[in-house]
Amino acid sequence: MDYVNAFWVGGLICALVQILMEKTKMLPGRIMVLLVCLGTLLGAIQIYEPFVEFAGAGASVPLLGFGNVLWKGVKEAVDQYGFLGIFMGGFQASAVGISAALVFGYLASLIFQPKMKK
């Protein structure tokens, strides 16, 4: 059942974002920032964590989940280091995910040899 919940929740998030892209004139970059900020806000008001427990990867993989990870990292770092944790927490919490994206993106570019658009 965990897979089913992850599938339909992740699909619903993607469908809502697709509708947002089609029905508004917002650029994709702004929508991505909106999703990260929304995930951060939902994490701050403690709504996102129960959502992740229910949906698993369907809620933690999209950009909403990235915003939630940033929030949790900043919150833990502020508790541990005080004011300086505001600047450290997001980097510490998201370092592994960002590093993995860079490494796997580079490996994919070596395998598939991407070309620039003309």
PDB file of N, CA and C in Angstrom:
ATOM      1  N   MET A   1       0.823  -1.203   0.000  1.00  0.00           N
ATOM      2  CA  MET A   1       0.000   0.000   0.000  1.00  0.00           C
ATOM      3  C   MET A   1       0.860   1.257   0.000  1.00  0.00           C
ATOM      4  N   ASP A   2       2.078   1.155   0.561  1.00  0.00           N
ATOM      5  CA  ASP A   2       2.973   2.315   0.571  1.00  0.00           C
ATOM      6  C   ASP A   2       3.284   2.785  -0.842  1.00  0.00           C
ATOM      7  N   TYR A   3       3.494   1.843  -1.749  1.00  0.00           N
ATOM      8  CA  TYR A   3       3.803   2.195  -3.139  1.00  0.00           C
ATOM      9  C   TYR A   3       2.619   2.882  -3.812  1.00  0.00           C
ATOM     10  N   VAL A   4       1.435   2.412  -3.521  1.00  0.00           N
ATOM     11  CA  VAL A   4       0.224   2.999  -4.118  1.00  0.00           C
ATOM     12  C   VAL A   4       0.055   4.434  -3.632  1.00  0.00           C
ATOM     13  N   ASN A   5       0.212   4.647  -2.328  1.00  0.00           N
ATOM     14  CA  ASN A   5       0.087   6.010  -1.798  1.00  0.00           C
ATOM     15  C   ASN A   5       1.150   6.931  -2.375  1.00  0.00           C
ATOM     16  N   ALA A   6       2.384   6.448  -2.466  1.00  0.00           N
ATOM     17  CA  ALA A   6       3.455   7.266  -3.041  1.00  0.00           C
ATOM     18  C   ALA A   6       3.135   7.606  -4.495  1.00  0.00           C
ATOM     19  N   PHE A   7       2.618   6.646  -5.232  1.00  0.00           N
ATOM     20  CA  PHE A   7       2.322   6.853  -6.642  1.00  0.00           C
ATOM     21  C   PHE A   7       1.229   7.888  -6.850  1.00  0.00           C
ATOM     22  N   TRP A   8       0.105   7.738  -6.139  1.00  0.00           N
ATOM     23  CA  TRP A   8      -0.990   8.661  -6.417  1.00  0.00           C
ATOM     24  C   TRP A   8      -0.733  10.047  -5.838  1.00  0.00           C
ATOM     25  N   VAL A   9      -0.043  10.147  -4.706  1.00  0.00           N
ATOM     26  CA  VAL A   9       0.251  11.471  -4.143  1.00  0.00           C
ATOM     27  C   VAL A   9       1.265  12.204  -5.022  1.00  0.00           C
ATOM     28  N   GLY A  10       2.335  11.510  -5.423  1.00  0.00           N
ATOM     29  CA  GLY A  10       3.312  12.128  -6.315  1.00  0.00           C
ATOM     30  C   GLY A  10       2.686  12.521  -7.640  1.00  0.00           C
ATOM     31  N   GLY A  11       1.815  11.670  -8.174  1.00  0.00           N
ATOM     32  CA  GLY A  11       1.119  11.995  -9.414  1.00  0.00           C
ATOM     33  C   GLY A  11       0.189  13.179  -9.268  1.00  0.00           C
ATOM     34  N   LEU A  12      -0.481  13.268  -8.129  1.00  0.00           N
ATOM     35  CA  LEU A  12      -1.377  14.400  -7.882  1.00  0.00           C
ATOM     36  C   LEU A  12      -0.588  15.706  -7.795  1.00  0.00           C
ATOM     37  N   ILE A  13       0.555  15.679  -7.111  1.00  0.00           N
ATOM     38  CA  ILE A  13       1.392  16.875  -7.031  1.00  0.00           C
ATOM     39  C   ILE A  13       1.840  17.290  -8.428  1.00  0.00           C
ATOM     40  N   CYS A  14       2.295  16.334  -9.217  1.00  0.00           N
ATOM     41  CA  CYS A  14       2.740  16.637 -10.583  1.00  0.00           C
ATOM     42  C   CYS A  14       1.596  17.166 -11.437  1.00  0.00           C
ATOM     43  N   ALA A  15       0.414  16.583 -11.295  1.00  0.00           N
ATOM     44  CA  ALA A  15      -0.740  17.043 -12.071  1.00  0.00           C
ATOM     45  C   ALA A  15      -1.130  18.464 -11.696  1.00  0.00           C
ATOM     46  N   LEU A  16      -1.110  18.778 -10.397  1.00  0.00           N
ATOM     47  CA  LEU A  16      -1.443  20.135  -9.968  1.00  0.00           C
ATOM     48  C   LEU A  16      -0.429  21.153 -10.486  1.00  0.00           C
ATOM     49  N   VAL A  17       0.832  20.772 -10.472  1.00  0.00           N
ATOM     50  CA  VAL A  17       1.867  21.671 -11.002  1.00  0.00           C
ATOM     51  C   VAL A  17       1.692  21.833 -12.506  1.00  0.00           C
ATOM     52  N   GLN A  18       1.353  20.774 -13.206  1.00  0.00           N
ATOM     53  CA  GLN A  18       1.126  20.871 -14.655  1.00  0.00           C
ATOM     54  C   GLN A  18      -0.047  21.793 -14.962  1.00  0.00           C
ATOM     55  N   ILE A  19      -1.117  21.689 -14.184  1.00  0.00           N
ATOM     56  CA  ILE A  19      -2.259  22.589 -14.358  1.00  0.00           C
ATOM     57  C   ILE A  19      -1.830  24.023 -14.095  1.00  0.00           C
ATOM     58  N   LEU A  20      -1.033  24.237 -13.069  1.00  0.00           N
ATOM     59  CA  LEU A  20      -0.527  25.583 -12.766  1.00  0.00           C
ATOM     60  C   LEU A  20       0.295  26.124 -13.932  1.00  0.00           C
ATOM     61  N   MET A  21       1.108  25.286 -14.529  1.00  0.00           N
ATOM     62  CA  MET A  21       1.926  25.720 -15.668  1.00  0.00           C
ATOM     63  C   MET A  21       1.065  26.044 -16.888  1.00  0.00           C
ATOM     64  N   GLU A  22       0.026  25.264 -17.104  1.00  0.00           N
ATOM     65  CA  GLU A  22      -0.818  25.459 -18.283  1.00  0.00           C
ATOM     66  C   GLU A  22      -1.764  26.650 -18.135  1.00  0.00           C
ATOM     67  N   LYS A  23      -2.283  26.875 -16.941  1.00  0.00           N
ATOM     68  CA  LYS A  23      -3.325  27.881 -16.743  1.00  0.00           C
ATOM     69  C   LYS A  23      -2.795  29.257 -16.346  1.00  0.00           C
ATOM     70  N   THR A  24      -1.531  29.365 -15.985  1.00  0.00           N
ATOM     71  CA  THR A  24      -0.964  30.661 -15.622  1.00  0.00           C
ATOM     72  C   THR A  24       0.178  30.981 -16.579  1.00  0.00           C
ATOM     73  N   LYS A  25       0.651  32.182 -16.491  1.00  0.00           N
ATOM     74  CA  LYS A  25       1.792  32.590 -17.311  1.00  0.00           C
ATOM     75  C   LYS A  25       3.090  32.552 -16.519  1.00  0.00           C
ATOM     76  N   MET A  26       3.070  31.813 -15.407  1.00  0.00           N
ATOM     77  CA  MET A  26       4.278  31.712 -14.592  1.00  0.00           C
ATOM     78  C   MET A  26       5.333  30.894 -15.313  1.00  0.00           C
ATOM     79  N   LEU A  27       6.564  31.349 -15.228  1.00  0.00           N
ATOM     80  CA  LEU A  27       7.675  30.622 -15.818  1.00  0.00           C
ATOM     81  C   LEU A  27       8.025  29.423 -14.944  1.00  0.00           C
ATOM     82  N   PRO A  28       8.588  28.361 -15.541  1.00  0.00           N
ATOM     83  CA  PRO A  28       8.909  27.159 -14.762  1.00  0.00           C
ATOM     84  C   PRO A  28       9.835  27.424 -13.572  1.00  0.00           C
ATOM     85  N   GLY A  29      10.786  28.320 -13.722  1.00  0.00           N
ATOM     86  CA  GLY A  29      11.678  28.635 -12.611  1.00  0.00           C
ATOM     87  C   GLY A  29      10.937  29.217 -11.421  1.00  0.00           C
ATOM     88  N   ARG A  30       9.973  30.067 -11.689  1.00  0.00           N
ATOM     89  CA  ARG A  30       9.184  30.667 -10.604  1.00  0.00           C
ATOM     90  C   ARG A  30       8.291  29.626  -9.938  1.00  0.00           C
ATOM     91  N   ILE A  31       7.782  28.697 -10.718  1.00  0.00           N
ATOM     92  CA  ILE A  31       6.969  27.632 -10.142  1.00  0.00           C
ATOM     93  C   ILE A  31       7.831  26.746  -9.250  1.00  0.00           C
ATOM     94  N   MET A  32       9.060  26.475  -9.676  1.00  0.00           N
ATOM     95  CA  MET A  32       9.963  25.668  -8.847  1.00  0.00           C
ATOM     96  C   MET A  32      10.253  26.371  -7.527  1.00  0.00           C
ATOM     97  N   VAL A  33      10.509  27.668  -7.575  1.00  0.00           N
ATOM     98  CA  VAL A  33      10.759  28.425  -6.341  1.00  0.00           C
ATOM     99  C   VAL A  33       9.514  28.420  -5.469  1.00  0.00           C
ATOM    100  N   LEU A  34       8.348  28.557  -6.079  1.00  0.00           N
ATOM    101  CA  LEU A  34       7.095  28.513  -5.326  1.00  0.00           C
ATOM    102  C   LEU A  34       6.930  27.183  -4.606  1.00  0.00           C
ATOM    103  N   LEU A  35       7.265  26.080  -5.268  1.00  0.00           N
ATOM    104  CA  LEU A  35       7.133  24.764  -4.653  1.00  0.00           C
ATOM    105  C   LEU A  35       8.099  24.587  -3.480  1.00  0.00           C
ATOM    106  N   VAL A  36       9.336  25.035  -3.643  1.00  0.00           N
ATOM    107  CA  VAL A  36      10.304  24.927  -2.546  1.00  0.00           C
ATOM    108  C   VAL A  36       9.848  25.775  -1.361  1.00  0.00           C
ATOM    109  N   CYS A  37       9.398  26.996  -1.636  1.00  0.00           N
ATOM    110  CA  CYS A  37       8.928  27.864  -0.546  1.00  0.00           C
ATOM    111  C   CYS A  37       7.680  27.287   0.124  1.00  0.00           C
ATOM    112  N   LEU A  38       6.788  26.696  -0.668  1.00  0.00           N
ATOM    113  CA  LEU A  38       5.588  26.083  -0.099  1.00  0.00           C
ATOM    114  C   LEU A  38       5.945  24.888   0.779  1.00  0.00           C
ATOM    115  N   GLY A  39       6.901  24.081   0.339  1.00  0.00           N
ATOM    116  CA  GLY A  39       7.365  22.955   1.164  1.00  0.00           C
ATOM    117  C   GLY A  39       7.986  23.426   2.463  1.00  0.00           C
ATOM    118  N   THR A  40       8.732  24.531   2.400  1.00  0.00           N
ATOM    119  CA  THR A  40       9.328  25.102   3.600  1.00  0.00           C
ATOM    120  C   THR A  40       8.250  25.609   4.552  1.00  0.00           C
ATOM    121  N   LEU A  41       7.263  26.304   4.000  1.00  0.00           N
ATOM    122  CA  LEU A  41       6.175  26.832   4.823  1.00  0.00           C
ATOM    123  C   LEU A  41       5.366  25.707   5.464  1.00  0.00           C
ATOM    124  N   LEU A  42       5.040  24.683   4.683  1.00  0.00           N
ATOM    125  CA  LEU A  42       4.272  23.553   5.233  1.00  0.00           C
ATOM    126  C   LEU A  42       5.081  22.803   6.293  1.00  0.00           C
ATOM    127  N   GLY A  43       6.401  22.739   6.123  1.00  0.00           N
ATOM    128  CA  GLY A  43       7.245  22.134   7.147  1.00  0.00           C
ATOM    129  C   GLY A  43       7.284  22.975   8.413  1.00  0.00           C
ATOM    130  N   ALA A  44       7.316  24.291   8.244  1.00  0.00           N
ATOM    131  CA  ALA A  44       7.385  25.193   9.399  1.00  0.00           C
ATOM    132  C   ALA A  44       6.111  25.133  10.240  1.00  0.00           C
ATOM    133  N   ILE A  45       4.981  24.958   9.591  1.00  0.00           N
ATOM    134  CA  ILE A  45       3.732  24.885  10.363  1.00  0.00           C
ATOM    135  C   ILE A  45       3.353  23.431  10.674  1.00  0.00           C
ATOM    136  N   GLN A  46       4.308  22.522  10.466  1.00  0.00           N
ATOM    137  CA  GLN A  46       4.233  21.111  10.862  1.00  0.00           C
ATOM    138  C   GLN A  46       3.091  20.345  10.200  1.00  0.00           C
ATOM    139  N   ILE A  47       2.823  20.674   8.947  1.00  0.00           N
ATOM    140  CA  ILE A  47       1.829  19.935   8.183  1.00  0.00           C
ATOM    141  C   ILE A  47       2.511  18.913   7.282  1.00  0.00           C
ATOM    142  N   TYR A  48       3.712  19.212   6.825  1.00  0.00           N
ATOM    143  CA  TYR A  48       4.331  18.374   5.798  1.00  0.00           C
ATOM    144  C   TYR A  48       4.835  17.035   6.329  1.00  0.00           C
ATOM    145  N   GLU A  49       5.298  16.980   7.562  1.00  0.00           N
ATOM    146  CA  GLU A  49       5.839  15.730   8.102  1.00  0.00           C
ATOM    147  C   GLU A  49       4.798  14.607   8.164  1.00  0.00           C
ATOM    148  N   PRO A  50       3.572  14.846   8.644  1.00  0.00           N
ATOM    149  CA  PRO A  50       2.566  13.776   8.583  1.00  0.00           C
ATOM    150  C   PRO A  50       2.222  13.381   7.144  1.00  0.00           C
ATOM    151  N   PHE A  51       2.286  14.352   6.242  1.00  0.00           N
ATOM    152  CA  PHE A  51       2.052  14.090   4.826  1.00  0.00           C
ATOM    153  C   PHE A  51       3.123  13.152   4.269  1.00  0.00           C
ATOM    154  N   VAL A  52       4.382  13.368   4.657  1.00  0.00           N
ATOM    155  CA  VAL A  52       5.481  12.498   4.219  1.00  0.00           C
ATOM    156  C   VAL A  52       5.330  11.106   4.822  1.00  0.00           C
ATOM    157  N   GLU A  53       4.903  11.016   6.067  1.00  0.00           N
ATOM    158  CA  GLU A  53       4.697   9.709   6.691  1.00  0.00           C
ATOM    159  C   GLU A  53       3.618   8.915   5.962  1.00  0.00           C
ATOM    160  N   PHE A  54       2.598   9.596   5.455  1.00  0.00           N
ATOM    161  CA  PHE A  54       1.527   8.925   4.722  1.00  0.00           C
ATOM    162  C   PHE A  54       1.961   8.547   3.309  1.00  0.00           C
ATOM    163  N   ALA A  55       2.571   9.491   2.588  1.00  0.00           N
ATOM    164  CA  ALA A  55       2.834   9.296   1.164  1.00  0.00           C
ATOM    165  C   ALA A  55       4.245   8.822   0.856  1.00  0.00           C
ATOM    166  N   GLY A  56       5.156   8.871   1.798  1.00  0.00           N
ATOM    167  CA  GLY A  56       6.521   8.410   1.565  1.00  0.00           C
ATOM    168  C   GLY A  56       7.212   9.192   0.471  1.00  0.00           C
ATOM    169  N   ALA A  57       7.771   8.485  -0.508  1.00  0.00           N
ATOM    170  CA  ALA A  57       8.525   9.127  -1.584  1.00  0.00           C
ATOM    171  C   ALA A  57       7.637   9.993  -2.471  1.00  0.00           C
ATOM    172  N   GLY A  58       6.355   9.749  -2.498  1.00  0.00           N
ATOM    173  CA  GLY A  58       5.450  10.581  -3.278  1.00  0.00           C
ATOM    174  C   GLY A  58       5.397  12.005  -2.782  1.00  0.00           C
ATOM    175  N   ALA A  59       5.737  12.215  -1.516  1.00  0.00           N
ATOM    176  CA  ALA A  59       5.759  13.564  -0.955  1.00  0.00           C
ATOM    177  C   ALA A  59       7.173  14.067  -0.710  1.00  0.00           C
ATOM    178  N   SER A  60       8.128  13.169  -0.521  1.00  0.00           N
ATOM    179  CA  SER A  60       9.482  13.634  -0.194  1.00  0.00           C
ATOM    180  C   SER A  60      10.346  13.879  -1.416  1.00  0.00           C
ATOM    181  N   VAL A  61      10.026  13.292  -2.562  1.00  0.00           N
ATOM    182  CA  VAL A  61      10.852  13.464  -3.753  1.00  0.00           C
ATOM    183  C   VAL A  61      10.572  14.763  -4.506  1.00  0.00           C
ATOM    184  N   PRO A  62       9.330  15.209  -4.684  1.00  0.00           N
ATOM    185  CA  PRO A  62       9.109  16.460  -5.419  1.00  0.00           C
ATOM    186  C   PRO A  62       9.744  17.666  -4.725  1.00  0.00           C
ATOM    187  N   LEU A  63       9.726  18.799  -5.385  1.00  0.00           N
ATOM    188  CA  LEU A  63      10.352  20.002  -4.845  1.00  0.00           C
ATOM    189  C   LEU A  63       9.748  20.441  -3.521  1.00  0.00           C
ATOM    190  N   LEU A  64       8.525  20.090  -3.264  1.00  0.00           N
ATOM    191  CA  LEU A  64       7.950  20.370  -1.951  1.00  0.00           C
ATOM    192  C   LEU A  64       8.769  19.688  -0.859  1.00  0.00           C
ATOM    193  N   GLY A  65       9.195  18.476  -1.116  1.00  0.00           N
ATOM    194  CA  GLY A  65      10.017  17.733  -0.161  1.00  0.00           C
ATOM    195  C   GLY A  65      11.378  18.382   0.036  1.00  0.00           C
ATOM    196  N   PHE A  66      11.938  18.957  -1.033  1.00  0.00           N
ATOM    197  CA  PHE A  66      13.218  19.648  -0.909  1.00  0.00           C
ATOM    198  C   PHE A  66      13.090  20.857   0.018  1.00  0.00           C
ATOM    199  N   GLY A  67      12.012  21.594  -0.118  1.00  0.00           N
ATOM    200  CA  GLY A  67      11.773  22.723   0.784  1.00  0.00           C
ATOM    201  C   GLY A  67      11.631  22.271   2.221  1.00  0.00           C
ATOM    202  N   ASN A  68      10.962  21.148   2.430  1.00  0.00           N
ATOM    203  CA  ASN A  68      10.812  20.601   3.773  1.00  0.00           C
ATOM    204  C   ASN A  68      12.157  20.183   4.353  1.00  0.00           C
ATOM    205  N   VAL A  69      13.015  19.577   3.529  1.00  0.00           N
ATOM    206  CA  VAL A  69      14.355  19.193   3.985  1.00  0.00           C
ATOM    207  C   VAL A  69      15.157  20.422   4.386  1.00  0.00           C
ATOM    208  N   LEU A  70      15.058  21.482   3.594  1.00  0.00           N
ATOM    209  CA  LEU A  70      15.762  22.722   3.942  1.00  0.00           C
ATOM    210  C   LEU A  70      15.274  23.255   5.287  1.00  0.00           C
ATOM    211  N   TRP A  71      13.965  23.239   5.481  1.00  0.00           N
ATOM    212  CA  TRP A  71      13.410  23.732   6.741  1.00  0.00           C
ATOM    213  C   TRP A  71      13.909  22.916   7.928  1.00  0.00           C
ATOM    214  N   LYS A  72      13.861  21.593   7.804  1.00  0.00           N
ATOM    215  CA  LYS A  72      14.311  20.750   8.913  1.00  0.00           C
ATOM    216  C   LYS A  72      15.786  20.974   9.212  1.00  0.00           C
ATOM    217  N   GLY A  73      16.599  21.138   8.179  1.00  0.00           N
ATOM    218  CA  GLY A  73      18.021  21.391   8.387  1.00  0.00           C
ATOM    219  C   GLY A  73      18.280  22.704   9.091  1.00  0.00           C
ATOM    220  N   VAL A  74      17.579  23.742   8.680  1.00  0.00           N
ATOM    221  CA  VAL A  74      17.750  25.050   9.315  1.00  0.00           C
ATOM    222  C   VAL A  74      17.274  25.006  10.755  1.00  0.00           C
ATOM    223  N   LYS A  75      16.148  24.352  10.995  1.00  0.00           N
ATOM    224  CA  LYS A  75      15.612  24.269  12.366  1.00  0.00           C
ATOM    225  C   LYS A  75      16.590  23.554  13.298  1.00  0.00           C
ATOM    226  N   GLU A  76      17.141  22.420  12.835  1.00  0.00           N
ATOM    227  CA  GLU A  76      18.103  21.680  13.667  1.00  0.00           C
ATOM    228  C   GLU A  76      19.375  22.479  13.895  1.00  0.00           C
ATOM    229  N   ALA A  77      19.863  23.168  12.869  1.00  0.00           N
ATOM    230  CA  ALA A  77      21.096  23.944  13.013  1.00  0.00           C
ATOM    231  C   ALA A  77      20.893  25.152  13.916  1.00  0.00           C
ATOM    232  N   VAL A  78      19.734  25.776  13.863  1.00  0.00           N
ATOM    233  CA  VAL A  78      19.459  26.909  14.755  1.00  0.00           C
ATOM    234  C   VAL A  78      19.396  26.427  16.195  1.00  0.00           C
ATOM    235  N   ASP A  79      18.793  25.265  16.422  1.00  0.00           N
ATOM    236  CA  ASP A  79      18.756  24.710  17.777  1.00  0.00           C
ATOM    237  C   ASP A  79      20.152  24.409  18.301  1.00  0.00           C
ATOM    238  N   GLN A  80      21.039  23.994  17.399  1.00  0.00           N
ATOM    239  CA  GLN A  80      22.380  23.602  17.818  1.00  0.00           C
ATOM    240  C   GLN A  80      23.364  24.774  17.860  1.00  0.00           C
ATOM    241  N   TYR A  81      23.334  25.649  16.844  1.00  0.00           N
ATOM    242  CA  TYR A  81      24.343  26.704  16.715  1.00  0.00           C
ATOM    243  C   TYR A  81      23.809  28.111  16.928  1.00  0.00           C
ATOM    244  N   GLY A  82      22.530  28.267  17.097  1.00  0.00           N
ATOM    245  CA  GLY A  82      21.966  29.590  17.270  1.00  0.00           C
ATOM    246  C   GLY A  82      21.773  30.292  15.938  1.00  0.00           C
ATOM    247  N   PHE A  83      22.004  31.594  15.926  1.00  0.00           N
ATOM    248  CA  PHE A  83      21.750  32.420  14.748  1.00  0.00           C
ATOM    249  C   PHE A  83      22.510  31.940  13.513  1.00  0.00           C
ATOM    250  N   LEU A  84      23.732  31.479  13.678  1.00  0.00           N
ATOM    251  CA  LEU A  84      24.525  31.022  12.534  1.00  0.00           C
ATOM    252  C   LEU A  84      23.920  29.791  11.870  1.00  0.00           C
ATOM    253  N   GLY A  85      23.092  29.064  12.572  1.00  0.00           N
ATOM    254  CA  GLY A  85      22.433  27.902  12.009  1.00  0.00           C
ATOM    255  C   GLY A  85      21.510  28.240  10.853  1.00  0.00           C
ATOM    256  N   ILE A  86      21.036  29.486  10.809  1.00  0.00           N
ATOM    257  CA  ILE A  86      20.194  29.918   9.692  1.00  0.00           C
ATOM    258  C   ILE A  86      20.943  29.750   8.372  1.00  0.00           C
ATOM    259  N   PHE A  87      22.223  30.047   8.402  1.00  0.00           N
ATOM    260  CA  PHE A  87      23.027  30.003   7.184  1.00  0.00           C
ATOM    261  C   PHE A  87      23.622  28.622   6.910  1.00  0.00           C
ATOM    262  N   MET A  88      23.769  27.808   7.935  1.00  0.00           N
ATOM    263  CA  MET A  88      24.421  26.502   7.795  1.00  0.00           C
ATOM    264  C   MET A  88      23.436  25.363   7.539  1.00  0.00           C
ATOM    265  N   GLY A  89      22.285  25.407   8.138  1.00  0.00           N
ATOM    266  CA  GLY A  89      21.379  24.260   8.168  1.00  0.00           C
ATOM    267  C   GLY A  89      20.911  23.774   6.821  1.00  0.00           C
ATOM    268  N   GLY A  90      20.522  24.689   5.944  1.00  0.00           N
ATOM    269  CA  GLY A  90      20.038  24.288   4.631  1.00  0.00           C
ATOM    270  C   GLY A  90      21.104  23.592   3.808  1.00  0.00           C
ATOM    271  N   PHE A  91      22.339  24.074   3.916  1.00  0.00           N
ATOM    272  CA  PHE A  91      23.437  23.455   3.166  1.00  0.00           C
ATOM    273  C   PHE A  91      23.747  22.056   3.690  1.00  0.00           C
ATOM    274  N   GLN A  92      23.765  21.919   5.002  1.00  0.00           N
ATOM    275  CA  GLN A  92      24.064  20.613   5.581  1.00  0.00           C
ATOM    276  C   GLN A  92      22.970  19.593   5.263  1.00  0.00           C
ATOM    277  N   ALA A  93      21.736  20.015   5.318  1.00  0.00           N
ATOM    278  CA  ALA A  93      20.621  19.081   5.112  1.00  0.00           C
ATOM    279  C   ALA A  93      20.485  18.641   3.657  1.00  0.00           C
ATOM    280  N   SER A  94      20.833  19.520   2.743  1.00  0.00           N
ATOM    281  CA  SER A  94      20.605  19.202   1.326  1.00  0.00           C
ATOM    282  C   SER A  94      21.870  18.813   0.574  1.00  0.00           C
ATOM    283  N   ALA A  95      23.008  18.767   1.242  1.00  0.00           N
ATOM    284  CA  ALA A  95      24.279  18.519   0.563  1.00  0.00           C
ATOM    285  C   ALA A  95      24.314  17.176  -0.149  1.00  0.00           C
ATOM    286  N   VAL A  96      23.827  16.136   0.471  1.00  0.00           N
ATOM    287  CA  VAL A  96      23.891  14.805  -0.144  1.00  0.00           C
ATOM    288  C   VAL A  96      23.018  14.753  -1.401  1.00  0.00           C
ATOM    289  N   GLY A  97      21.813  15.274  -1.318  1.00  0.00           N
ATOM    290  CA  GLY A  97      20.918  15.248  -2.474  1.00  0.00           C
ATOM    291  C   GLY A  97      21.440  16.066  -3.636  1.00  0.00           C
ATOM    292  N   ILE A  98      21.964  17.245  -3.345  1.00  0.00           N
ATOM    293  CA  ILE A  98      22.502  18.092  -4.410  1.00  0.00           C
ATOM    294  C   ILE A  98      23.747  17.452  -5.016  1.00  0.00           C
ATOM    295  N   SER A  99      24.605  16.902  -4.182  1.00  0.00           N
ATOM    296  CA  SER A  99      25.812  16.232  -4.684  1.00  0.00           C
ATOM    297  C   SER A  99      25.455  15.048  -5.570  1.00  0.00           C
ATOM    298  N   ALA A 100      24.482  14.257  -5.152  1.00  0.00           N
ATOM    299  CA  ALA A 100      24.060  13.112  -5.961  1.00  0.00           C
ATOM    300  C   ALA A 100      23.502  13.572  -7.308  1.00  0.00           C
ATOM    301  N   ALA A 101      22.718  14.639  -7.310  1.00  0.00           N
ATOM    302  CA  ALA A 101      22.169  15.151  -8.567  1.00  0.00           C
ATOM    303  C   ALA A 101      23.285  15.600  -9.503  1.00  0.00           C
ATOM    304  N   LEU A 102      24.301  16.253  -8.963  1.00  0.00           N
ATOM    305  CA  LEU A 102      25.420  16.697  -9.795  1.00  0.00           C
ATOM    306  C   LEU A 102      26.209  15.518 -10.356  1.00  0.00           C
ATOM    307  N   VAL A 103      26.514  14.545  -9.512  1.00  0.00           N
ATOM    308  CA  VAL A 103      27.305  13.397  -9.958  1.00  0.00           C
ATOM    309  C   VAL A 103      26.546  12.581 -10.997  1.00  0.00           C
ATOM    310  N   PHE A 104      25.279  12.263 -10.731  1.00  0.00           N
ATOM    311  CA  PHE A 104      24.516  11.456 -11.674  1.00  0.00           C
ATOM    312  C   PHE A 104      24.207  12.229 -12.958  1.00  0.00           C
ATOM    313  N   GLY A 105      24.013  13.541 -12.854  1.00  0.00           N
ATOM    314  CA  GLY A 105      23.837  14.349 -14.062  1.00  0.00           C
ATOM    315  C   GLY A 105      25.085  14.339 -14.925  1.00  0.00           C
ATOM    316  N   TYR A 106      26.245  14.428 -14.296  1.00  0.00           N
ATOM    317  CA  TYR A 106      27.504  14.365 -15.032  1.00  0.00           C
ATOM    318  C   TYR A 106      27.695  12.998 -15.690  1.00  0.00           C
ATOM    319  N   LEU A 107      27.414  11.928 -14.938  1.00  0.00           N
ATOM    320  CA  LEU A 107      27.537  10.582 -15.509  1.00  0.00           C
ATOM    321  C   LEU A 107      26.582  10.389 -16.683  1.00  0.00           C
ATOM    322  N   ALA A 108      25.379  10.893 -16.572  1.00  0.00           N
ATOM    323  CA  ALA A 108      24.421  10.788 -17.676  1.00  0.00           C
ATOM    324  C   ALA A 108      24.916  11.551 -18.891  1.00  0.00           C
ATOM    325  N   SER A 109      25.558  12.695 -18.673  1.00  0.00           N
ATOM    326  CA  SER A 109      26.077  13.462 -19.821  1.00  0.00           C
ATOM    327  C   SER A 109      27.228  12.728 -20.497  1.00  0.00           C
ATOM    328  N   LEU A 110      27.985  11.951 -19.747  1.00  0.00           N
ATOM    329  CA  LEU A 110      29.055  11.169 -20.356  1.00  0.00           C
ATOM    330  C   LEU A 110      28.495  10.014 -21.178  1.00  0.00           C
ATOM    331  N   ILE A 111      27.437   9.411 -20.707  1.00  0.00           N
ATOM    332  CA  ILE A 111      26.856   8.251 -21.393  1.00  0.00           C
ATOM    333  C   ILE A 111      26.080   8.675 -22.642  1.00  0.00           C
ATOM    334  N   PHE A 112      25.274   9.716 -22.530  1.00  0.00           N
ATOM    335  CA  PHE A 112      24.358  10.068 -23.611  1.00  0.00           C
ATOM    336  C   PHE A 112      24.847  11.190 -24.516  1.00  0.00           C
ATOM    337  N   GLN A 113      25.932  11.850 -24.222  1.00  0.00           N
ATOM    338  CA  GLN A 113      26.529  12.907 -25.028  1.00  0.00           C
ATOM    339  C   GLN A 113      25.508  13.949 -25.485  1.00  0.00           C
ATOM    340  N   PRO A 114      25.042  14.778 -24.573  1.00  0.00           N
ATOM    341  CA  PRO A 114      24.026  15.778 -24.936  1.00  0.00           C
ATOM    342  C   PRO A 114      24.593  16.829 -25.884  1.00  0.00           C
ATOM    343  N   LYS A 115      23.715  17.422 -26.674  1.00  0.00           N
ATOM    344  CA  LYS A 115      24.102  18.456 -27.618  1.00  0.00           C
ATOM    345  C   LYS A 115      23.344  19.731 -27.315  1.00  0.00           C
ATOM    346  N   MET A 116      23.937  20.861 -27.616  1.00  0.00           N
ATOM    347  CA  MET A 116      23.294  22.155 -27.420  1.00  0.00           C
ATOM    348  C   MET A 116      22.205  22.351 -28.477  1.00  0.00           C
ATOM    349  N   LYS A 117      21.141  23.039 -28.112  1.00  0.00           N
ATOM    350  CA  LYS A 117      20.098  23.365 -29.094  1.00  0.00           C
ATOM    351  C   LYS A 117      20.599  24.469 -30.008  1.00  0.00           C
ATOM    352  N   LYS A 118      20.173  24.427 -31.266  1.00  0.00           N
ATOM    353  CA  LYS A 118      20.588  25.460 -32.232  1.00  0.00           C
ATOM    354  C   LYS A 118      19.539  26.511 -32.390  1.00  0.00           C
TER     355      LYS A 118
END
